[in-house]
């Protein structure tokens, strides 16, 4: 923390940069301390391109993805990141399940989330190339009863993002079975329902989130699907 060490550290990082020019070193200083953040040039460019709900996100607030998404573009990530609960913001996003990499099986999805202890983000692309999904406060699992909290929400890009949050009407947030995964309910309507093969789904207006159907088709076919954790 001593300012007298700053020249030595700068020299050290400059030597590293000369051997690894693809890395970028950001210096953050205050009256009593300083720190370095090491990121790639590509990551710096990606962060620079971000905006947020209420203005530019700070560098530290932008999510870092541990894997490449086949579904989410930077604009999707930007719009989702600033709408997540504060308790998960700042955590890296880790790809826990992908139909492109793990096959189309709800059982495999559950198995990949068995040891996860964080909220999850579900991303779906249908055959009409529309992106939509849900944020769940708990990882998806087989359950006898519904689980989750009021931070759970549904969302859809059409093309701008629309987020449907808990209405307080009921607590039918998430329910998993070996045959299906469903989110939201009431009056026989389900906000989002997926089959065991992760090939077909249904979306309707439901009391839990007072959402509009997330897809242009009430009964849709899934092109691909991802589940991200925050760890």
C-alpha atoms as a PDB file:
ATOM      1  CA  UNK A   1       0.000   0.000   0.000  1.00  0.00           C
ATOM      2  CA  UNK A   2       2.995   2.286   0.326  1.00  0.00           C
ATOM      3  CA  UNK A   3       3.222   4.813  -2.556  1.00  0.00           C
ATOM      4  CA  UNK A   4       6.986   4.198  -2.593  1.00  0.00           C
ATOM      5  CA  UNK A   5       6.325   0.780  -4.114  1.00  0.00           C
ATOM      6  CA  UNK A   6       4.381   2.199  -7.062  1.00  0.00           C
ATOM      7  CA  UNK A   7       7.398   2.690  -9.424  1.00  0.00           C
ATOM      8  CA  UNK A   8       8.541  -0.873  -8.755  1.00  0.00           C
ATOM      9  CA  UNK A   9       5.084  -2.288  -9.472  1.00  0.00           C
ATOM     10  CA  UNK A  10       4.700  -0.221 -12.627  1.00  0.00           C
ATOM     11  CA  UNK A  11       8.064  -1.505 -13.852  1.00  0.00           C
ATOM     12  CA  UNK A  12       7.015  -5.067 -13.079  1.00  0.00           C
ATOM     13  CA  UNK A  13       3.739  -4.742 -14.979  1.00  0.00           C
ATOM     14  CA  UNK A  14       5.428  -3.030 -17.907  1.00  0.00           C
ATOM     15  CA  UNK A  15       7.798  -5.977 -18.229  1.00  0.00           C
ATOM     16  CA  UNK A  16       4.819  -8.333 -18.195  1.00  0.00           C
ATOM     17  CA  UNK A  17       3.045  -6.228 -20.793  1.00  0.00           C
ATOM     18  CA  UNK A  18       6.025  -6.289 -23.117  1.00  0.00           C
ATOM     19  CA  UNK A  19       5.920 -10.083 -23.121  1.00  0.00           C
ATOM     20  CA  UNK A  20       2.097 -10.270 -23.220  1.00  0.00           C
ATOM     21  CA  UNK A  21       0.838  -7.333 -25.276  1.00  0.00           C
ATOM     22  CA  UNK A  22      -2.617  -8.869 -25.462  1.00  0.00           C
ATOM     23  CA  UNK A  23      -3.109  -7.928 -21.802  1.00  0.00           C
ATOM     24  CA  UNK A  24      -4.229  -4.558 -20.518  1.00  0.00           C
ATOM     25  CA  UNK A  25      -3.374  -3.286 -17.029  1.00  0.00           C
ATOM     26  CA  UNK A  26      -5.779  -0.855 -15.388  1.00  0.00           C
ATOM     27  CA  UNK A  27      -4.606   1.174 -12.403  1.00  0.00           C
ATOM     28  CA  UNK A  28      -7.038   2.291  -9.725  1.00  0.00           C
ATOM     29  CA  UNK A  29      -5.714   4.749  -7.154  1.00  0.00           C
ATOM     30  CA  UNK A  30      -6.956   6.448  -4.008  1.00  0.00           C
ATOM     31  CA  UNK A  31      -5.227   8.637  -1.441  1.00  0.00           C
ATOM     32  CA  UNK A  32      -4.084   5.592   0.532  1.00  0.00           C
ATOM     33  CA  UNK A  33      -3.978   2.640  -1.833  1.00  0.00           C
ATOM     34  CA  UNK A  34      -3.789   1.471  -5.418  1.00  0.00           C
ATOM     35  CA  UNK A  35      -4.506  -1.756  -7.269  1.00  0.00           C
ATOM     36  CA  UNK A  36      -4.081  -3.267 -10.710  1.00  0.00           C
ATOM     37  CA  UNK A  37      -6.734  -5.053 -12.741  1.00  0.00           C
ATOM     38  CA  UNK A  38      -5.489  -7.318 -15.529  1.00  0.00           C
ATOM     39  CA  UNK A  39      -7.836  -7.922 -18.458  1.00  0.00           C
ATOM     40  CA  UNK A  40      -7.415  -8.786 -22.101  1.00  0.00           C
ATOM     41  CA  UNK A  41      -7.600  -6.164 -24.822  1.00  0.00           C
ATOM     42  CA  UNK A  42     -10.693  -7.899 -26.237  1.00  0.00           C
ATOM     43  CA  UNK A  43     -12.339  -7.739 -22.824  1.00  0.00           C
ATOM     44  CA  UNK A  44     -11.515  -4.028 -22.537  1.00  0.00           C
ATOM     45  CA  UNK A  45     -13.125  -3.365 -25.906  1.00  0.00           C
ATOM     46  CA  UNK A  46     -16.179  -5.389 -24.900  1.00  0.00           C
ATOM     47  CA  UNK A  47     -16.548  -3.447 -21.672  1.00  0.00           C
ATOM     48  CA  UNK A  48     -16.142  -0.131 -23.456  1.00  0.00           C
ATOM     49  CA  UNK A  49     -19.044  -1.008 -25.745  1.00  0.00           C
ATOM     50  CA  UNK A  50     -21.443  -1.536 -22.840  1.00  0.00           C
ATOM     51  CA  UNK A  51     -24.124   0.835 -21.697  1.00  0.00           C
ATOM     52  CA  UNK A  52     -26.603   0.290 -18.874  1.00  0.00           C
ATOM     53  CA  UNK A  53     -30.136   0.982 -17.749  1.00  0.00           C
ATOM     54  CA  UNK A  54     -29.290   4.394 -16.369  1.00  0.00           C
ATOM     55  CA  UNK A  55     -26.032   5.198 -18.095  1.00  0.00           C
ATOM     56  CA  UNK A  56     -22.660   3.549 -18.546  1.00  0.00           C
ATOM     57  CA  UNK A  57     -21.824   0.693 -16.237  1.00  0.00           C
ATOM     58  CA  UNK A  58     -18.552   1.034 -14.365  1.00  0.00           C
ATOM     59  CA  UNK A  59     -15.726  -1.255 -15.448  1.00  0.00           C
ATOM     60  CA  UNK A  60     -16.020  -3.340 -12.284  1.00  0.00           C
ATOM     61  CA  UNK A  61     -19.800  -3.757 -12.735  1.00  0.00           C
ATOM     62  CA  UNK A  62     -19.598  -5.415 -16.135  1.00  0.00           C
ATOM     63  CA  UNK A  63     -19.938  -9.204 -16.075  1.00  0.00           C
ATOM     64  CA  UNK A  64     -17.106 -11.433 -17.176  1.00  0.00           C
ATOM     65  CA  UNK A  65     -18.233 -14.572 -18.996  1.00  0.00           C
ATOM     66  CA  UNK A  66     -16.097 -17.637 -18.310  1.00  0.00           C
ATOM     67  CA  UNK A  67     -17.375 -19.219 -21.526  1.00  0.00           C
ATOM     68  CA  UNK A  68     -18.551 -17.993 -24.905  1.00  0.00           C
ATOM     69  CA  UNK A  69     -22.309 -17.807 -25.328  1.00  0.00           C
ATOM     70  CA  UNK A  70     -23.865 -19.157 -28.517  1.00  0.00           C
ATOM     71  CA  UNK A  71     -27.025 -17.151 -27.812  1.00  0.00           C
ATOM     72  CA  UNK A  72     -26.199 -13.900 -26.036  1.00  0.00           C
ATOM     73  CA  UNK A  73     -24.696 -10.928 -27.812  1.00  0.00           C
ATOM     74  CA  UNK A  74     -23.099  -8.088 -25.889  1.00  0.00           C
ATOM     75  CA  UNK A  75     -26.289  -6.039 -26.060  1.00  0.00           C
ATOM     76  CA  UNK A  76     -28.257  -8.901 -24.476  1.00  0.00           C
ATOM     77  CA  UNK A  77     -25.672  -9.269 -21.703  1.00  0.00           C
ATOM     78  CA  UNK A  78     -25.700  -5.525 -21.066  1.00  0.00           C
ATOM     79  CA  UNK A  79     -29.473  -5.317 -20.736  1.00  0.00           C
ATOM     80  CA  UNK A  80     -29.695  -8.394 -18.521  1.00  0.00           C
ATOM     81  CA  UNK A  81     -26.747  -7.532 -16.277  1.00  0.00           C
ATOM     82  CA  UNK A  82     -28.173  -4.266 -15.008  1.00  0.00           C
ATOM     83  CA  UNK A  83     -31.515  -5.917 -14.196  1.00  0.00           C
ATOM     84  CA  UNK A  84     -30.105  -8.689 -12.047  1.00  0.00           C
ATOM     85  CA  UNK A  85     -30.368  -8.454  -8.245  1.00  0.00           C
ATOM     86  CA  UNK A  86     -27.509  -6.515  -6.681  1.00  0.00           C
ATOM     87  CA  UNK A  87     -26.304  -9.602  -4.801  1.00  0.00           C
ATOM     88  CA  UNK A  88     -25.209 -11.342  -8.019  1.00  0.00           C
ATOM     89  CA  UNK A  89     -23.823  -8.321  -9.839  1.00  0.00           C
ATOM     90  CA  UNK A  90     -20.055  -8.388 -10.074  1.00  0.00           C
ATOM     91  CA  UNK A  91     -19.839 -12.172 -10.115  1.00  0.00           C
ATOM     92  CA  UNK A  92     -18.497 -13.935 -13.232  1.00  0.00           C
ATOM     93  CA  UNK A  93     -21.048 -15.753 -15.356  1.00  0.00           C
ATOM     94  CA  UNK A  94     -20.287 -19.464 -15.788  1.00  0.00           C
ATOM     95  CA  UNK A  95     -21.963 -21.599 -18.427  1.00  0.00           C
ATOM     96  CA  UNK A  96     -23.350 -24.603 -16.536  1.00  0.00           C
ATOM     97  CA  UNK A  97     -25.450 -26.124 -19.289  1.00  0.00           C
ATOM     98  CA  UNK A  98     -25.843 -25.731 -23.036  1.00  0.00           C
ATOM     99  CA  UNK A  99     -27.847 -27.802 -25.492  1.00  0.00           C
ATOM    100  CA  UNK A 100     -25.107 -27.186 -28.053  1.00  0.00           C
ATOM    101  CA  UNK A 101     -22.480 -28.750 -25.781  1.00  0.00           C
ATOM    102  CA  UNK A 102     -24.409 -31.071 -23.474  1.00  0.00           C
ATOM    103  CA  UNK A 103     -27.282 -32.302 -25.624  1.00  0.00           C
ATOM    104  CA  UNK A 104     -31.016 -31.793 -25.214  1.00  0.00           C
ATOM    105  CA  UNK A 105     -31.999 -33.338 -21.911  1.00  0.00           C
ATOM    106  CA  UNK A 106     -33.670 -31.835 -18.859  1.00  0.00           C
ATOM    107  CA  UNK A 107     -32.106 -34.592 -16.743  1.00  0.00           C
ATOM    108  CA  UNK A 108     -28.637 -33.494 -17.851  1.00  0.00           C
ATOM    109  CA  UNK A 109     -29.532 -29.895 -17.030  1.00  0.00           C
ATOM    110  CA  UNK A 110     -30.536 -30.933 -13.504  1.00  0.00           C
ATOM    111  CA  UNK A 111     -27.382 -33.031 -13.141  1.00  0.00           C
ATOM    112  CA  UNK A 112     -25.130 -30.152 -14.216  1.00  0.00           C
ATOM    113  CA  UNK A 113     -26.743 -27.902 -11.602  1.00  0.00           C
ATOM    114  CA  UNK A 114     -26.668 -30.448  -8.774  1.00  0.00           C
ATOM    115  CA  UNK A 115     -23.667 -28.859  -7.053  1.00  0.00           C
ATOM    116  CA  UNK A 116     -24.542 -25.248  -7.882  1.00  0.00           C
ATOM    117  CA  UNK A 117     -25.322 -22.927  -4.998  1.00  0.00           C
ATOM    118  CA  UNK A 118     -26.192 -19.701  -6.792  1.00  0.00           C
ATOM    119  CA  UNK A 119     -29.024 -18.168  -8.797  1.00  0.00           C
ATOM    120  CA  UNK A 120     -29.219 -19.141 -12.456  1.00  0.00           C
ATOM    121  CA  UNK A 121     -30.067 -17.408 -15.707  1.00  0.00           C
ATOM    122  CA  UNK A 122     -32.021 -19.367 -18.313  1.00  0.00           C
ATOM    123  CA  UNK A 123     -31.564 -18.281 -21.943  1.00  0.00           C
ATOM    124  CA  UNK A 124     -33.702 -19.729 -24.743  1.00  0.00           C
ATOM    125  CA  UNK A 125     -33.574 -19.187 -28.489  1.00  0.00           C
ATOM    126  CA  UNK A 126     -36.620 -20.431 -30.367  1.00  0.00           C
ATOM    127  CA  UNK A 127     -36.949 -21.419 -33.998  1.00  0.00           C
ATOM    128  CA  UNK A 128     -37.996 -17.849 -34.820  1.00  0.00           C
ATOM    129  CA  UNK A 129     -34.608 -16.685 -33.440  1.00  0.00           C
ATOM    130  CA  UNK A 130     -36.232 -14.862 -30.523  1.00  0.00           C
ATOM    131  CA  UNK A 131     -34.302 -14.716 -27.235  1.00  0.00           C
ATOM    132  CA  UNK A 132     -36.141 -15.024 -23.911  1.00  0.00           C
ATOM    133  CA  UNK A 133     -35.889 -16.827 -20.593  1.00  0.00           C
ATOM    134  CA  UNK A 134     -35.850 -16.377 -16.854  1.00  0.00           C
ATOM    135  CA  UNK A 135     -33.786 -15.560 -13.792  1.00  0.00           C
ATOM    136  CA  UNK A 136     -34.237 -18.006 -10.925  1.00  0.00           C
ATOM    137  CA  UNK A 137     -32.995 -17.341  -7.408  1.00  0.00           C
ATOM    138  CA  UNK A 138     -32.355 -21.068  -7.003  1.00  0.00           C
ATOM    139  CA  UNK A 139     -30.765 -23.603  -9.380  1.00  0.00           C
ATOM    140  CA  UNK A 140     -33.254 -25.771 -11.251  1.00  0.00           C
ATOM    141  CA  UNK A 141     -33.955 -29.112  -9.609  1.00  0.00           C
ATOM    142  CA  UNK A 142     -36.669 -31.738  -9.279  1.00  0.00           C
ATOM    143  CA  UNK A 143     -39.059 -30.620  -6.563  1.00  0.00           C
ATOM    144  CA  UNK A 144     -42.385 -31.655  -5.085  1.00  0.00           C
ATOM    145  CA  UNK A 145     -43.376 -28.051  -4.487  1.00  0.00           C
ATOM    146  CA  UNK A 146     -42.609 -24.673  -6.033  1.00  0.00           C
ATOM    147  CA  UNK A 147     -39.468 -22.882  -4.893  1.00  0.00           C
ATOM    148  CA  UNK A 148     -37.784 -19.518  -5.366  1.00  0.00           C
ATOM    149  CA  UNK A 149     -38.214 -15.953  -4.124  1.00  0.00           C
ATOM    150  CA  UNK A 150     -39.653 -12.692  -5.364  1.00  0.00           C
ATOM    151  CA  UNK A 151     -36.404 -11.820  -7.127  1.00  0.00           C
ATOM    152  CA  UNK A 152     -37.274 -14.417  -9.781  1.00  0.00           C
ATOM    153  CA  UNK A 153     -38.352 -12.904 -13.096  1.00  0.00           C
ATOM    154  CA  UNK A 154     -39.119 -13.681 -16.738  1.00  0.00           C
ATOM    155  CA  UNK A 155     -37.752 -11.691 -19.666  1.00  0.00           C
ATOM    156  CA  UNK A 156     -37.969 -11.439 -23.420  1.00  0.00           C
ATOM    157  CA  UNK A 157     -36.132  -9.555 -26.171  1.00  0.00           C
ATOM    158  CA  UNK A 158     -38.573  -8.426 -28.849  1.00  0.00           C
ATOM    159  CA  UNK A 159     -36.239  -6.811 -29.817  1.00  0.00           C
ATOM    160  CA  UNK A 160     -35.920  -4.551 -26.747  1.00  0.00           C
ATOM    161  CA  UNK A 161     -35.834  -6.257 -23.399  1.00  0.00           C
ATOM    162  CA  UNK A 162     -39.007  -6.641 -21.377  1.00  0.00           C
ATOM    163  CA  UNK A 163     -38.718  -7.888 -17.806  1.00  0.00           C
ATOM    164  CA  UNK A 164     -41.675  -9.351 -15.925  1.00  0.00           C
ATOM    165  CA  UNK A 165     -41.195  -9.317 -12.172  1.00  0.00           C
ATOM    166  CA  UNK A 166     -43.133 -10.897  -9.332  1.00  0.00           C
ATOM    167  CA  UNK A 167     -46.611  -9.466  -8.816  1.00  0.00           C
ATOM    168  CA  UNK A 168     -47.080 -10.856  -5.305  1.00  0.00           C
ATOM    169  CA  UNK A 169     -50.207 -12.680  -6.512  1.00  0.00           C
ATOM    170  CA  UNK A 170     -48.785 -16.137  -5.729  1.00  0.00           C
ATOM    171  CA  UNK A 171     -45.480 -17.913  -5.160  1.00  0.00           C
ATOM    172  CA  UNK A 172     -45.441 -20.305  -8.119  1.00  0.00           C
ATOM    173  CA  UNK A 173     -41.917 -19.275  -9.066  1.00  0.00           C
ATOM    174  CA  UNK A 174     -40.269 -22.523 -10.216  1.00  0.00           C
ATOM    175  CA  UNK A 175     -41.225 -26.187 -10.186  1.00  0.00           C
ATOM    176  CA  UNK A 176     -39.118 -28.957 -11.655  1.00  0.00           C
ATOM    177  CA  UNK A 177     -39.994 -32.545 -12.450  1.00  0.00           C
ATOM    178  CA  UNK A 178     -38.373 -35.256 -14.528  1.00  0.00           C
ATOM    179  CA  UNK A 179     -40.905 -34.509 -17.263  1.00  0.00           C
ATOM    180  CA  UNK A 180     -40.859 -30.716 -17.361  1.00  0.00           C
ATOM    181  CA  UNK A 181     -39.643 -27.413 -15.952  1.00  0.00           C
ATOM    182  CA  UNK A 182     -42.160 -24.648 -15.318  1.00  0.00           C
ATOM    183  CA  UNK A 183     -42.009 -21.070 -14.086  1.00  0.00           C
ATOM    184  CA  UNK A 184     -44.955 -18.957 -13.013  1.00  0.00           C
ATOM    185  CA  UNK A 185     -48.552 -20.058 -12.772  1.00  0.00           C
ATOM    186  CA  UNK A 186     -52.063 -19.440 -11.568  1.00  0.00           C
ATOM    187  CA  UNK A 187     -55.455 -20.220 -13.044  1.00  0.00           C
ATOM    188  CA  UNK A 188     -54.060 -23.049 -15.109  1.00  0.00           C
ATOM    189  CA  UNK A 189     -51.687 -20.723 -16.974  1.00  0.00           C
ATOM    190  CA  UNK A 190     -47.891 -21.137 -17.006  1.00  0.00           C
ATOM    191  CA  UNK A 191     -45.471 -18.306 -17.670  1.00  0.00           C
ATOM    192  CA  UNK A 192     -42.904 -20.708 -19.121  1.00  0.00           C
ATOM    193  CA  UNK A 193     -42.983 -24.488 -19.545  1.00  0.00           C
ATOM    194  CA  UNK A 194     -40.301 -26.726 -21.093  1.00  0.00           C
ATOM    195  CA  UNK A 195     -40.520 -30.430 -21.901  1.00  0.00           C
ATOM    196  CA  UNK A 196     -38.114 -33.182 -20.845  1.00  0.00           C
ATOM    197  CA  UNK A 197     -36.262 -33.159 -24.181  1.00  0.00           C
ATOM    198  CA  UNK A 198     -35.866 -29.359 -24.127  1.00  0.00           C
ATOM    199  CA  UNK A 199     -37.328 -29.336 -27.599  1.00  0.00           C
ATOM    200  CA  UNK A 200     -40.774 -27.860 -27.052  1.00  0.00           C
ATOM    201  CA  UNK A 201     -42.117 -25.186 -24.761  1.00  0.00           C
ATOM    202  CA  UNK A 202     -45.186 -23.137 -23.912  1.00  0.00           C
ATOM    203  CA  UNK A 203     -45.542 -19.562 -22.690  1.00  0.00           C
ATOM    204  CA  UNK A 204     -48.709 -17.786 -21.561  1.00  0.00           C
ATOM    205  CA  UNK A 205     -49.682 -14.862 -19.389  1.00  0.00           C
ATOM    206  CA  UNK A 206     -49.630 -15.919 -15.740  1.00  0.00           C
ATOM    207  CA  UNK A 207     -50.577 -14.349 -12.405  1.00  0.00           C
ATOM    208  CA  UNK A 208     -47.106 -14.802 -10.876  1.00  0.00           C
ATOM    209  CA  UNK A 209     -45.439 -12.346 -13.249  1.00  0.00           C
ATOM    210  CA  UNK A 210     -48.333 -10.768 -15.203  1.00  0.00           C
ATOM    211  CA  UNK A 211     -46.210 -11.388 -18.280  1.00  0.00           C
ATOM    212  CA  UNK A 212     -47.007 -11.310 -21.938  1.00  0.00           C
ATOM    213  CA  UNK A 213     -46.129 -14.530 -23.805  1.00  0.00           C
ATOM    214  CA  UNK A 214     -42.348 -14.564 -24.065  1.00  0.00           C
ATOM    215  CA  UNK A 215     -42.292 -15.983 -27.596  1.00  0.00           C
ATOM    216  CA  UNK A 216     -44.231 -14.926 -30.673  1.00  0.00           C
ATOM    217  CA  UNK A 217     -45.660 -18.451 -30.641  1.00  0.00           C
ATOM    218  CA  UNK A 218     -47.474 -19.650 -27.526  1.00  0.00           C
ATOM    219  CA  UNK A 219     -46.304 -23.172 -28.307  1.00  0.00           C
ATOM    220  CA  UNK A 220     -42.743 -22.839 -29.530  1.00  0.00           C
ATOM    221  CA  UNK A 221     -39.876 -25.092 -30.570  1.00  0.00           C
ATOM    222  CA  UNK A 222     -36.489 -24.607 -28.933  1.00  0.00           C
ATOM    223  CA  UNK A 223     -33.501 -23.998 -31.176  1.00  0.00           C
ATOM    224  CA  UNK A 224     -30.971 -23.925 -28.322  1.00  0.00           C
ATOM    225  CA  UNK A 225     -30.810 -23.233 -24.607  1.00  0.00           C
ATOM    226  CA  UNK A 226     -28.212 -22.151 -22.028  1.00  0.00           C
ATOM    227  CA  UNK A 227     -28.130 -21.933 -18.236  1.00  0.00           C
ATOM    228  CA  UNK A 228     -25.646 -19.560 -16.585  1.00  0.00           C
ATOM    229  CA  UNK A 229     -24.619 -19.452 -12.944  1.00  0.00           C
ATOM    230  CA  UNK A 230     -23.008 -16.624 -10.961  1.00  0.00           C
ATOM    231  CA  UNK A 231     -19.901 -17.968  -9.221  1.00  0.00           C
END
